[in-house]
Amino acid sequence: MSHATDDTSYSLIDRIREHDQAAWERLVDLYAPLVAAWCRQAGLNECDADDVMQEVFASVLRGMSGFRRDRDGATFRGWLRVIARNCISQHFRKVSRQAGGEGGTAAWQRIESIPDDLVPTDPTTEASEIQSVLQRGLQMIRAHFEPVTWQAFWQVVVDGRAAVDVASDLKISAGAVRQAKYKVLRRLRAELGDVMELPS
C-alpha cells in the first residue's frame, strides 16, 4: 500500500516505523542538509561529517519509536538536534581516545563548543533552519499540484500577498486561491507534518 500519494493523515514517522523505505528516503532527503550544516558548525571535516551523518540517521532509525510529537515543545528537528549533538560528541571522544590521550583537552574543548541542543539557538538561525526544511518539503510535494494551484499557494503563503490580489493576477476567484492554499498545506501536513514545523 502506497501512502506517499494519498491525502490521509498517515504520518511519515508511522510509515518509517513500518519499514517503508520510500518514507525513510524522504526523511533523509529532508533533513540531511541540516544535519550536514550542524556537523560543519561543529568543525567536522567532510569525511568525518559523512561518517557522523550516517551515525545520526542510524540512531534516528533505531530510536524512531522513542520520538513523540505529543510532548510540549517537542519537534522532530529538536529531537534530531539532540541525536546529532550526541553523535558529534561521541565522534570527538573517539578521536581523542584514538590519539592516545594526546590533545585530549583540545578534543574536550571541541565537545564543549558544540551548541547546546537544549538552549534555544539564535532566532535567526532557528528561523533559517525551519525555512530550509520547509523549502525542501515543499519541493517534495510540488509535482502533485497543477501550476495555477501551486502559484496561488506560493504567492499567498510564501510571498505574503493578499488572496484577492493573487486571484486577480491569476484570473481565478479568491475562494479558489484560499482552496489552493488549503490543499497544499493539507498535503504538506499529511506527508511531512509530523517531522516539520508548518505555517498555519
N, C-alpha and C. Protein backbone atom coordinates (compact mmCIF):
# COMPACT_ATOMS: atom_id res chain seq x y z
N MET A 1 0.84 -1.18 0.00
CA MET A 1 0.00 0.00 0.00
C MET A 1 0.88 1.23 0.00
N SER A 2 0.68 2.13 -0.93
CA SER A 2 1.49 3.34 -1.02
C SER A 2 0.79 4.48 -0.31
N HIS A 3 1.49 5.08 0.63
CA HIS A 3 0.90 6.19 1.38
C HIS A 3 1.41 7.53 0.89
N ALA A 4 2.41 7.53 0.01
CA ALA A 4 3.03 8.78 -0.40
C ALA A 4 2.13 9.60 -1.28
N THR A 5 1.11 9.00 -1.91
CA THR A 5 0.31 9.76 -2.85
C THR A 5 -1.10 10.05 -2.35
N ASP A 6 -1.52 9.52 -1.24
CA ASP A 6 -2.86 9.85 -0.77
C ASP A 6 -2.81 10.93 0.30
N ASP A 7 -3.96 11.58 0.51
CA ASP A 7 -4.02 12.71 1.43
C ASP A 7 -4.50 12.28 2.81
N THR A 8 -4.11 11.14 3.27
CA THR A 8 -4.51 10.69 4.60
C THR A 8 -3.60 11.30 5.64
N SER A 9 -3.94 11.09 6.89
CA SER A 9 -3.10 11.61 7.96
C SER A 9 -2.05 10.59 8.38
N TYR A 10 -1.89 9.54 7.59
CA TYR A 10 -0.89 8.52 7.89
C TYR A 10 0.47 9.18 7.83
N SER A 11 1.15 9.26 8.93
CA SER A 11 2.35 10.10 9.03
C SER A 11 3.59 9.45 8.46
N LEU A 12 4.54 10.30 8.13
CA LEU A 12 5.84 9.85 7.66
C LEU A 12 6.49 8.97 8.72
N ILE A 13 6.40 9.39 9.96
CA ILE A 13 7.00 8.61 11.04
C ILE A 13 6.34 7.24 11.16
N ASP A 14 5.02 7.19 11.04
CA ASP A 14 4.33 5.89 11.09
C ASP A 14 4.81 4.99 9.96
N ARG A 15 4.98 5.56 8.78
CA ARG A 15 5.44 4.76 7.63
C ARG A 15 6.86 4.26 7.86
N ILE A 16 7.71 5.10 8.44
CA ILE A 16 9.09 4.68 8.73
C ILE A 16 9.07 3.56 9.77
N ARG A 17 8.24 3.70 10.78
CA ARG A 17 8.14 2.66 11.81
C ARG A 17 7.69 1.32 11.23
N GLU A 18 6.99 1.38 10.10
CA GLU A 18 6.56 0.15 9.42
C GLU A 18 7.54 -0.25 8.32
N HIS A 19 8.75 0.32 8.37
CA HIS A 19 9.84 -0.05 7.46
C HIS A 19 9.57 0.32 6.01
N ASP A 20 8.90 1.45 5.78
CA ASP A 20 8.65 1.96 4.43
C ASP A 20 9.91 2.66 3.94
N GLN A 21 10.61 2.06 2.99
CA GLN A 21 11.89 2.59 2.50
C GLN A 21 11.72 3.97 1.87
N ALA A 22 10.65 4.18 1.11
CA ALA A 22 10.43 5.48 0.46
C ALA A 22 10.24 6.58 1.51
N ALA A 23 9.55 6.26 2.59
CA ALA A 23 9.36 7.25 3.67
C ALA A 23 10.70 7.58 4.32
N TRP A 24 11.52 6.56 4.55
CA TRP A 24 12.84 6.79 5.14
C TRP A 24 13.69 7.68 4.23
N GLU A 25 13.69 7.39 2.93
CA GLU A 25 14.46 8.20 1.99
C GLU A 25 13.98 9.65 1.98
N ARG A 26 12.68 9.82 2.08
CA ARG A 26 12.11 11.17 2.11
C ARG A 26 12.59 11.93 3.35
N LEU A 27 12.59 11.26 4.49
CA LEU A 27 13.06 11.89 5.73
C LEU A 27 14.53 12.28 5.61
N VAL A 28 15.35 11.37 5.10
CA VAL A 28 16.78 11.66 4.95
C VAL A 28 16.98 12.81 3.97
N ASP A 29 16.27 12.80 2.84
CA ASP A 29 16.37 13.91 1.87
C ASP A 29 15.99 15.24 2.51
N LEU A 30 15.01 15.20 3.37
CA LEU A 30 14.51 16.41 4.01
C LEU A 30 15.52 16.97 5.02
N TYR A 31 16.15 16.10 5.80
CA TYR A 31 16.97 16.57 6.92
C TYR A 31 18.47 16.43 6.75
N ALA A 32 18.96 15.70 5.76
CA ALA A 32 20.41 15.53 5.60
C ALA A 32 21.15 16.87 5.46
N PRO A 33 20.65 17.83 4.68
CA PRO A 33 21.38 19.10 4.60
C PRO A 33 21.49 19.82 5.95
N LEU A 34 20.47 19.72 6.78
CA LEU A 34 20.51 20.36 8.09
C LEU A 34 21.51 19.66 9.00
N VAL A 35 21.52 18.34 8.98
CA VAL A 35 22.49 17.60 9.80
C VAL A 35 23.91 17.91 9.32
N ALA A 36 24.09 17.99 8.01
CA ALA A 36 25.41 18.34 7.46
C ALA A 36 25.85 19.72 7.94
N ALA A 37 24.92 20.66 7.98
CA ALA A 37 25.25 22.01 8.46
C ALA A 37 25.65 21.98 9.93
N TRP A 38 24.95 21.19 10.75
CA TRP A 38 25.33 21.07 12.16
C TRP A 38 26.72 20.47 12.30
N CYS A 39 27.03 19.49 11.47
CA CYS A 39 28.36 18.86 11.51
C CYS A 39 29.44 19.88 11.15
N ARG A 40 29.20 20.67 10.12
CA ARG A 40 30.17 21.71 9.73
C ARG A 40 30.31 22.74 10.83
N GLN A 41 29.20 23.12 11.43
CA GLN A 41 29.21 24.11 12.51
C GLN A 41 30.05 23.60 13.69
N ALA A 42 30.06 22.30 13.90
CA ALA A 42 30.84 21.71 14.99
C ALA A 42 32.31 21.54 14.63
N GLY A 43 32.66 21.84 13.38
CA GLY A 43 34.06 21.78 12.97
C GLY A 43 34.51 20.47 12.36
N LEU A 44 33.57 19.63 11.95
CA LEU A 44 33.95 18.36 11.33
C LEU A 44 34.35 18.59 9.88
N ASN A 45 35.38 17.84 9.43
CA ASN A 45 35.72 17.89 8.01
C ASN A 45 34.70 17.06 7.24
N GLU A 46 34.77 17.12 5.92
CA GLU A 46 33.74 16.48 5.10
C GLU A 46 33.66 14.97 5.33
N CYS A 47 34.79 14.32 5.40
CA CYS A 47 34.81 12.86 5.60
C CYS A 47 34.21 12.48 6.96
N ASP A 48 34.64 13.17 8.01
CA ASP A 48 34.10 12.90 9.35
C ASP A 48 32.62 13.25 9.42
N ALA A 49 32.24 14.34 8.75
CA ALA A 49 30.83 14.75 8.74
C ALA A 49 29.97 13.66 8.10
N ASP A 50 30.46 13.07 7.00
CA ASP A 50 29.71 11.98 6.36
C ASP A 50 29.53 10.80 7.31
N ASP A 51 30.60 10.45 8.02
CA ASP A 51 30.51 9.34 8.98
C ASP A 51 29.53 9.65 10.11
N VAL A 52 29.61 10.86 10.63
CA VAL A 52 28.71 11.26 11.72
C VAL A 52 27.27 11.30 11.23
N MET A 53 27.06 11.81 10.01
CA MET A 53 25.69 11.84 9.47
C MET A 53 25.11 10.43 9.37
N GLN A 54 25.91 9.47 8.93
CA GLN A 54 25.43 8.09 8.86
C GLN A 54 25.04 7.59 10.25
N GLU A 55 25.85 7.92 11.24
CA GLU A 55 25.54 7.50 12.60
C GLU A 55 24.29 8.20 13.13
N VAL A 56 24.13 9.48 12.79
CA VAL A 56 22.93 10.23 13.21
C VAL A 56 21.68 9.53 12.67
N PHE A 57 21.67 9.25 11.37
CA PHE A 57 20.46 8.66 10.79
C PHE A 57 20.26 7.22 11.23
N ALA A 58 21.35 6.50 11.50
CA ALA A 58 21.21 5.15 12.07
C ALA A 58 20.58 5.24 13.46
N SER A 59 21.00 6.23 14.24
CA SER A 59 20.43 6.43 15.58
C SER A 59 18.97 6.84 15.50
N VAL A 60 18.64 7.68 14.52
CA VAL A 60 17.24 8.09 14.32
C VAL A 60 16.39 6.85 14.03
N LEU A 61 16.87 6.03 13.13
CA LEU A 61 16.11 4.83 12.76
C LEU A 61 15.93 3.91 13.96
N ARG A 62 17.00 3.70 14.72
CA ARG A 62 16.91 2.84 15.91
C ARG A 62 15.98 3.44 16.96
N GLY A 63 15.97 4.76 17.08
CA GLY A 63 15.21 5.41 18.14
C GLY A 63 13.87 5.96 17.72
N MET A 64 13.44 5.68 16.49
CA MET A 64 12.20 6.27 15.97
C MET A 64 11.00 6.00 16.87
N SER A 65 10.97 4.85 17.51
CA SER A 65 9.83 4.55 18.39
C SER A 65 9.81 5.47 19.61
N GLY A 66 10.96 6.07 19.94
CA GLY A 66 11.04 6.95 21.10
C GLY A 66 10.62 8.38 20.84
N PHE A 67 10.47 8.75 19.56
CA PHE A 67 10.07 10.12 19.27
C PHE A 67 8.57 10.26 19.43
N ARG A 68 8.17 11.26 20.25
CA ARG A 68 6.75 11.53 20.46
C ARG A 68 6.50 13.01 20.28
N ARG A 69 5.70 13.34 19.32
CA ARG A 69 5.40 14.74 19.00
C ARG A 69 4.41 15.34 20.00
N ASP A 70 3.74 14.50 20.78
CA ASP A 70 2.68 15.00 21.66
C ASP A 70 3.21 15.65 22.93
N ARG A 71 4.51 15.67 23.13
CA ARG A 71 5.08 16.35 24.29
C ARG A 71 5.14 17.85 24.02
N ASP A 72 4.94 18.66 25.04
CA ASP A 72 5.01 20.11 24.89
C ASP A 72 6.35 20.53 24.31
N GLY A 73 6.29 21.31 23.24
CA GLY A 73 7.51 21.83 22.64
C GLY A 73 8.32 20.83 21.84
N ALA A 74 7.84 19.59 21.74
CA ALA A 74 8.60 18.57 21.02
C ALA A 74 8.49 18.78 19.52
N THR A 75 9.63 18.86 18.88
CA THR A 75 9.67 18.91 17.42
C THR A 75 10.64 17.84 16.94
N PHE A 76 10.41 17.36 15.75
CA PHE A 76 11.33 16.37 15.21
C PHE A 76 12.72 16.98 15.05
N ARG A 77 12.77 18.23 14.61
CA ARG A 77 14.06 18.90 14.41
C ARG A 77 14.81 19.01 15.73
N GLY A 78 14.12 19.31 16.81
CA GLY A 78 14.76 19.38 18.13
C GLY A 78 15.28 18.03 18.57
N TRP A 79 14.48 16.99 18.35
CA TRP A 79 14.90 15.63 18.69
C TRP A 79 16.12 15.23 17.86
N LEU A 80 16.08 15.56 16.58
CA LEU A 80 17.20 15.26 15.69
C LEU A 80 18.46 16.01 16.11
N ARG A 81 18.29 17.25 16.57
CA ARG A 81 19.44 18.04 17.02
C ARG A 81 20.12 17.37 18.23
N VAL A 82 19.32 16.84 19.14
CA VAL A 82 19.89 16.14 20.30
C VAL A 82 20.70 14.93 19.84
N ILE A 83 20.14 14.16 18.93
CA ILE A 83 20.85 12.98 18.41
C ILE A 83 22.13 13.41 17.71
N ALA A 84 22.05 14.44 16.87
CA ALA A 84 23.24 14.90 16.14
C ALA A 84 24.32 15.37 17.11
N ARG A 85 23.92 16.14 18.12
CA ARG A 85 24.90 16.63 19.09
C ARG A 85 25.57 15.46 19.81
N ASN A 86 24.78 14.46 20.18
CA ASN A 86 25.36 13.29 20.85
C ASN A 86 26.33 12.55 19.94
N CYS A 87 25.97 12.39 18.68
CA CYS A 87 26.85 11.69 17.73
C CYS A 87 28.13 12.49 17.48
N ILE A 88 28.01 13.80 17.39
CA ILE A 88 29.20 14.65 17.20
C ILE A 88 30.10 14.55 18.43
N SER A 89 29.51 14.59 19.61
CA SER A 89 30.30 14.46 20.84
C SER A 89 31.00 13.10 20.90
N GLN A 90 30.28 12.05 20.53
CA GLN A 90 30.89 10.71 20.50
C GLN A 90 32.06 10.67 19.53
N HIS A 91 31.90 11.33 18.39
CA HIS A 91 32.99 11.37 17.40
C HIS A 91 34.24 12.01 18.01
N PHE A 92 34.08 13.15 18.67
CA PHE A 92 35.24 13.83 19.26
C PHE A 92 35.86 13.02 20.39
N ARG A 93 35.04 12.32 21.18
CA ARG A 93 35.59 11.44 22.22
C ARG A 93 36.39 10.30 21.59
N LYS A 94 35.87 9.73 20.53
CA LYS A 94 36.56 8.64 19.83
C LYS A 94 37.89 9.13 19.26
N VAL A 95 37.90 10.31 18.65
CA VAL A 95 39.13 10.88 18.10
C VAL A 95 40.15 11.10 19.22
N SER A 96 39.68 11.57 20.36
CA SER A 96 40.57 11.81 21.49
C SER A 96 41.18 10.50 21.99
N ARG A 97 40.36 9.45 22.09
CA ARG A 97 40.87 8.14 22.54
C ARG A 97 41.86 7.57 21.54
N GLN A 98 41.59 7.73 20.25
CA GLN A 98 42.48 7.19 19.22
C GLN A 98 43.83 7.91 19.22
N ALA A 99 43.82 9.14 19.68
CA ALA A 99 45.07 9.90 19.74
C ALA A 99 45.88 9.51 20.97
N GLY A 100 45.42 8.53 21.70
CA GLY A 100 46.15 8.04 22.88
C GLY A 100 46.16 9.05 24.00
N GLY A 101 45.13 9.85 24.06
CA GLY A 101 45.06 10.83 25.14
C GLY A 101 45.73 12.14 24.80
N GLU A 102 46.56 12.15 23.76
CA GLU A 102 47.20 13.40 23.37
C GLU A 102 46.13 14.32 22.79
N GLY A 103 46.21 15.55 23.14
CA GLY A 103 45.24 16.51 22.62
C GLY A 103 43.86 16.33 23.23
N GLY A 104 43.80 15.64 24.35
CA GLY A 104 42.51 15.41 24.99
C GLY A 104 41.81 16.70 25.35
N THR A 105 42.58 17.68 25.76
CA THR A 105 41.99 18.97 26.11
C THR A 105 41.36 19.61 24.88
N ALA A 106 42.06 19.53 23.75
CA ALA A 106 41.53 20.11 22.51
C ALA A 106 40.23 19.41 22.12
N ALA A 107 40.22 18.08 22.24
CA ALA A 107 39.00 17.33 21.90
C ALA A 107 37.87 17.71 22.85
N TRP A 108 38.20 17.84 24.14
CA TRP A 108 37.17 18.22 25.11
C TRP A 108 36.64 19.62 24.81
N GLN A 109 37.53 20.54 24.44
CA GLN A 109 37.09 21.89 24.10
C GLN A 109 36.15 21.87 22.89
N ARG A 110 36.45 21.01 21.93
CA ARG A 110 35.56 20.88 20.77
C ARG A 110 34.19 20.37 21.21
N ILE A 111 34.19 19.36 22.07
CA ILE A 111 32.92 18.82 22.56
C ILE A 111 32.13 19.92 23.27
N GLU A 112 32.82 20.68 24.10
CA GLU A 112 32.16 21.75 24.85
C GLU A 112 31.66 22.87 23.95
N SER A 113 32.30 23.04 22.78
CA SER A 113 31.90 24.13 21.90
C SER A 113 30.71 23.78 21.01
N ILE A 114 30.28 22.51 21.02
CA ILE A 114 29.11 22.13 20.24
C ILE A 114 27.91 22.83 20.86
N PRO A 115 27.10 23.52 20.03
CA PRO A 115 25.96 24.25 20.59
C PRO A 115 25.06 23.35 21.42
N ASP A 116 24.67 23.83 22.57
CA ASP A 116 23.81 23.07 23.48
C ASP A 116 22.43 22.92 22.85
N ASP A 117 22.01 21.70 22.66
CA ASP A 117 20.75 21.44 21.99
C ASP A 117 19.54 21.81 22.83
N LEU A 118 19.71 22.00 24.11
CA LEU A 118 18.57 22.32 24.96
C LEU A 118 18.34 23.82 25.10
N VAL A 119 19.35 24.60 24.78
CA VAL A 119 19.22 26.06 24.84
C VAL A 119 18.80 26.55 23.47
N PRO A 120 17.75 27.36 23.38
CA PRO A 120 17.33 27.85 22.07
C PRO A 120 18.49 28.55 21.35
N THR A 121 18.61 28.25 20.06
CA THR A 121 19.66 28.87 19.28
C THR A 121 19.26 30.29 18.91
N ASP A 122 20.15 30.99 18.27
CA ASP A 122 19.88 32.33 17.77
C ASP A 122 18.58 32.30 16.96
N PRO A 123 17.64 33.22 17.21
CA PRO A 123 16.36 33.19 16.49
C PRO A 123 16.51 33.24 14.97
N THR A 124 17.53 33.94 14.49
CA THR A 124 17.75 34.00 13.05
C THR A 124 18.15 32.63 12.52
N THR A 125 19.03 31.95 13.23
CA THR A 125 19.46 30.61 12.83
C THR A 125 18.28 29.65 12.90
N GLU A 126 17.51 29.73 13.97
CA GLU A 126 16.34 28.88 14.15
C GLU A 126 15.36 29.06 12.99
N ALA A 127 15.06 30.30 12.65
CA ALA A 127 14.14 30.59 11.54
C ALA A 127 14.71 30.09 10.22
N SER A 128 16.00 30.24 10.04
CA SER A 128 16.66 29.79 8.82
C SER A 128 16.58 28.27 8.68
N GLU A 129 16.78 27.55 9.78
CA GLU A 129 16.68 26.09 9.76
C GLU A 129 15.27 25.65 9.39
N ILE A 130 14.28 26.26 10.02
CA ILE A 130 12.89 25.91 9.75
C ILE A 130 12.56 26.20 8.29
N GLN A 131 12.98 27.36 7.80
CA GLN A 131 12.72 27.76 6.41
C GLN A 131 13.37 26.79 5.43
N SER A 132 14.59 26.38 5.72
CA SER A 132 15.32 25.47 4.85
C SER A 132 14.61 24.12 4.74
N VAL A 133 14.18 23.58 5.86
CA VAL A 133 13.48 22.29 5.85
C VAL A 133 12.13 22.44 5.15
N LEU A 134 11.44 23.54 5.40
CA LEU A 134 10.15 23.78 4.76
C LEU A 134 10.30 23.87 3.25
N GLN A 135 11.33 24.57 2.78
CA GLN A 135 11.56 24.68 1.34
C GLN A 135 11.77 23.30 0.71
N ARG A 136 12.57 22.46 1.36
CA ARG A 136 12.79 21.10 0.83
C ARG A 136 11.49 20.30 0.84
N GLY A 137 10.71 20.45 1.90
CA GLY A 137 9.43 19.74 1.96
C GLY A 137 8.49 20.18 0.86
N LEU A 138 8.45 21.46 0.59
CA LEU A 138 7.60 21.97 -0.48
C LEU A 138 8.06 21.44 -1.84
N GLN A 139 9.35 21.38 -2.05
CA GLN A 139 9.87 20.83 -3.31
C GLN A 139 9.43 19.38 -3.50
N MET A 140 9.35 18.65 -2.40
CA MET A 140 8.96 17.23 -2.47
C MET A 140 7.52 17.03 -2.91
N ILE A 141 6.64 17.98 -2.62
CA ILE A 141 5.22 17.79 -2.94
C ILE A 141 4.76 18.60 -4.14
N ARG A 142 5.59 19.46 -4.66
CA ARG A 142 5.18 20.39 -5.73
C ARG A 142 4.58 19.68 -6.94
N ALA A 143 5.14 18.57 -7.35
CA ALA A 143 4.69 17.87 -8.56
C ALA A 143 3.25 17.36 -8.45
N HIS A 144 2.68 17.34 -7.26
CA HIS A 144 1.33 16.83 -7.06
C HIS A 144 0.24 17.87 -7.36
N PHE A 145 0.64 19.07 -7.77
CA PHE A 145 -0.33 20.14 -7.95
C PHE A 145 -0.24 20.76 -9.33
N GLU A 146 -1.38 21.24 -9.80
CA GLU A 146 -1.43 21.99 -11.06
C GLU A 146 -0.66 23.30 -10.87
N PRO A 147 -0.07 23.82 -11.93
CA PRO A 147 0.72 25.06 -11.81
C PRO A 147 -0.05 26.22 -11.19
N VAL A 148 -1.31 26.40 -11.56
CA VAL A 148 -2.06 27.54 -11.02
C VAL A 148 -2.33 27.36 -9.52
N THR A 149 -2.56 26.13 -9.10
CA THR A 149 -2.76 25.85 -7.67
C THR A 149 -1.49 26.18 -6.90
N TRP A 150 -0.36 25.73 -7.45
CA TRP A 150 0.92 25.99 -6.79
C TRP A 150 1.22 27.49 -6.75
N GLN A 151 0.99 28.19 -7.85
CA GLN A 151 1.26 29.64 -7.89
C GLN A 151 0.40 30.38 -6.86
N ALA A 152 -0.87 30.00 -6.77
CA ALA A 152 -1.76 30.66 -5.81
C ALA A 152 -1.27 30.42 -4.39
N PHE A 153 -0.95 29.18 -4.08
CA PHE A 153 -0.43 28.86 -2.75
C PHE A 153 0.84 29.66 -2.47
N TRP A 154 1.78 29.60 -3.38
CA TRP A 154 3.09 30.22 -3.18
C TRP A 154 2.96 31.72 -2.95
N GLN A 155 2.15 32.36 -3.77
CA GLN A 155 2.03 33.81 -3.66
C GLN A 155 1.37 34.24 -2.36
N VAL A 156 0.43 33.45 -1.87
CA VAL A 156 -0.24 33.80 -0.61
C VAL A 156 0.62 33.44 0.60
N VAL A 157 1.14 32.22 0.63
CA VAL A 157 1.85 31.74 1.82
C VAL A 157 3.30 32.22 1.87
N VAL A 158 4.01 32.07 0.78
CA VAL A 158 5.44 32.39 0.79
C VAL A 158 5.68 33.88 0.54
N ASP A 159 5.00 34.42 -0.48
CA ASP A 159 5.21 35.83 -0.80
C ASP A 159 4.39 36.77 0.07
N GLY A 160 3.39 36.23 0.78
CA GLY A 160 2.60 37.03 1.71
C GLY A 160 1.61 37.98 1.04
N ARG A 161 1.20 37.66 -0.15
CA ARG A 161 0.25 38.52 -0.86
C ARG A 161 -1.19 38.23 -0.43
N ALA A 162 -2.05 39.20 -0.62
CA ALA A 162 -3.46 39.04 -0.30
C ALA A 162 -4.13 38.13 -1.34
N ALA A 163 -5.06 37.30 -0.88
CA ALA A 163 -5.75 36.36 -1.76
C ALA A 163 -6.46 37.07 -2.91
N VAL A 164 -7.05 38.22 -2.65
CA VAL A 164 -7.78 38.93 -3.72
C VAL A 164 -6.82 39.43 -4.80
N ASP A 165 -5.63 39.85 -4.41
CA ASP A 165 -4.64 40.30 -5.40
C ASP A 165 -4.13 39.13 -6.24
N VAL A 166 -3.87 38.02 -5.59
CA VAL A 166 -3.41 36.82 -6.30
C VAL A 166 -4.51 36.34 -7.25
N ALA A 167 -5.74 36.35 -6.78
CA ALA A 167 -6.87 35.92 -7.61
C ALA A 167 -6.97 36.77 -8.87
N SER A 168 -6.82 38.06 -8.71
CA SER A 168 -6.88 38.98 -9.85
C SER A 168 -5.77 38.67 -10.85
N ASP A 169 -4.55 38.48 -10.35
CA ASP A 169 -3.41 38.19 -11.23
C ASP A 169 -3.56 36.86 -11.96
N LEU A 170 -4.07 35.85 -11.26
CA LEU A 170 -4.18 34.51 -11.85
C LEU A 170 -5.52 34.28 -12.55
N LYS A 171 -6.40 35.27 -12.47
CA LYS A 171 -7.72 35.20 -13.10
C LYS A 171 -8.54 34.01 -12.59
N ILE A 172 -8.51 33.87 -11.27
CA ILE A 172 -9.34 32.88 -10.58
C ILE A 172 -10.01 33.59 -9.41
N SER A 173 -10.94 32.92 -8.76
CA SER A 173 -11.63 33.56 -7.64
C SER A 173 -10.75 33.55 -6.38
N ALA A 174 -11.06 34.46 -5.47
CA ALA A 174 -10.35 34.49 -4.19
C ALA A 174 -10.59 33.19 -3.43
N GLY A 175 -11.78 32.61 -3.59
CA GLY A 175 -12.08 31.32 -2.97
C GLY A 175 -11.18 30.22 -3.51
N ALA A 176 -10.90 30.26 -4.81
CA ALA A 176 -10.00 29.26 -5.41
C ALA A 176 -8.58 29.42 -4.88
N VAL A 177 -8.19 30.66 -4.61
CA VAL A 177 -6.86 30.91 -4.04
C VAL A 177 -6.79 30.33 -2.63
N ARG A 178 -7.82 30.58 -1.83
CA ARG A 178 -7.84 30.04 -0.47
C ARG A 178 -7.88 28.50 -0.49
N GLN A 179 -8.62 27.95 -1.45
CA GLN A 179 -8.68 26.49 -1.59
C GLN A 179 -7.32 25.92 -1.98
N ALA A 180 -6.58 26.63 -2.85
CA ALA A 180 -5.24 26.18 -3.25
C ALA A 180 -4.32 26.16 -2.03
N LYS A 181 -4.39 27.21 -1.23
CA LYS A 181 -3.57 27.27 -0.01
C LYS A 181 -3.92 26.09 0.90
N TYR A 182 -5.19 25.85 1.08
CA TYR A 182 -5.65 24.76 1.94
C TYR A 182 -5.15 23.41 1.43
N LYS A 183 -5.29 23.16 0.11
CA LYS A 183 -4.89 21.88 -0.47
C LYS A 183 -3.41 21.60 -0.27
N VAL A 184 -2.58 22.60 -0.57
CA VAL A 184 -1.14 22.40 -0.47
C VAL A 184 -0.73 22.19 0.99
N LEU A 185 -1.24 23.02 1.88
CA LEU A 185 -0.89 22.87 3.30
C LEU A 185 -1.41 21.54 3.86
N ARG A 186 -2.59 21.12 3.43
CA ARG A 186 -3.12 19.83 3.88
C ARG A 186 -2.20 18.69 3.42
N ARG A 187 -1.75 18.77 2.18
CA ARG A 187 -0.84 17.73 1.66
C ARG A 187 0.48 17.74 2.42
N LEU A 188 1.00 18.94 2.66
CA LEU A 188 2.26 19.07 3.39
C LEU A 188 2.13 18.49 4.79
N ARG A 189 1.03 18.81 5.47
CA ARG A 189 0.80 18.28 6.82
C ARG A 189 0.64 16.76 6.80
N ALA A 190 -0.10 16.26 5.81
CA ALA A 190 -0.34 14.82 5.74
C ALA A 190 0.95 14.05 5.51
N GLU A 191 1.80 14.57 4.66
CA GLU A 191 3.02 13.84 4.31
C GLU A 191 4.18 14.11 5.26
N LEU A 192 4.30 15.35 5.72
CA LEU A 192 5.50 15.73 6.45
C LEU A 192 5.23 16.44 7.77
N GLY A 193 3.98 16.62 8.12
CA GLY A 193 3.64 17.42 9.29
C GLY A 193 4.16 16.90 10.61
N ASP A 194 4.41 15.60 10.68
CA ASP A 194 4.91 15.07 11.94
C ASP A 194 6.41 15.26 12.10
N VAL A 195 7.08 15.72 11.05
CA VAL A 195 8.53 15.94 11.14
C VAL A 195 8.92 17.37 10.79
N MET A 196 7.92 18.25 10.61
CA MET A 196 8.20 19.64 10.25
C MET A 196 7.35 20.59 11.07
N GLU A 197 7.89 21.80 11.27
CA GLU A 197 7.09 22.88 11.84
C GLU A 197 6.49 23.63 10.66
N LEU A 198 5.16 23.66 10.58
CA LEU A 198 4.49 24.19 9.40
C LEU A 198 3.76 25.49 9.68
N PRO A 199 3.61 26.33 8.62
CA PRO A 199 2.81 27.54 8.79
C PRO A 199 1.34 27.18 8.92
N SER A 200 0.56 28.09 9.49
CA SER A 200 -0.87 27.82 9.63
C SER A 200 -1.63 28.34 8.44
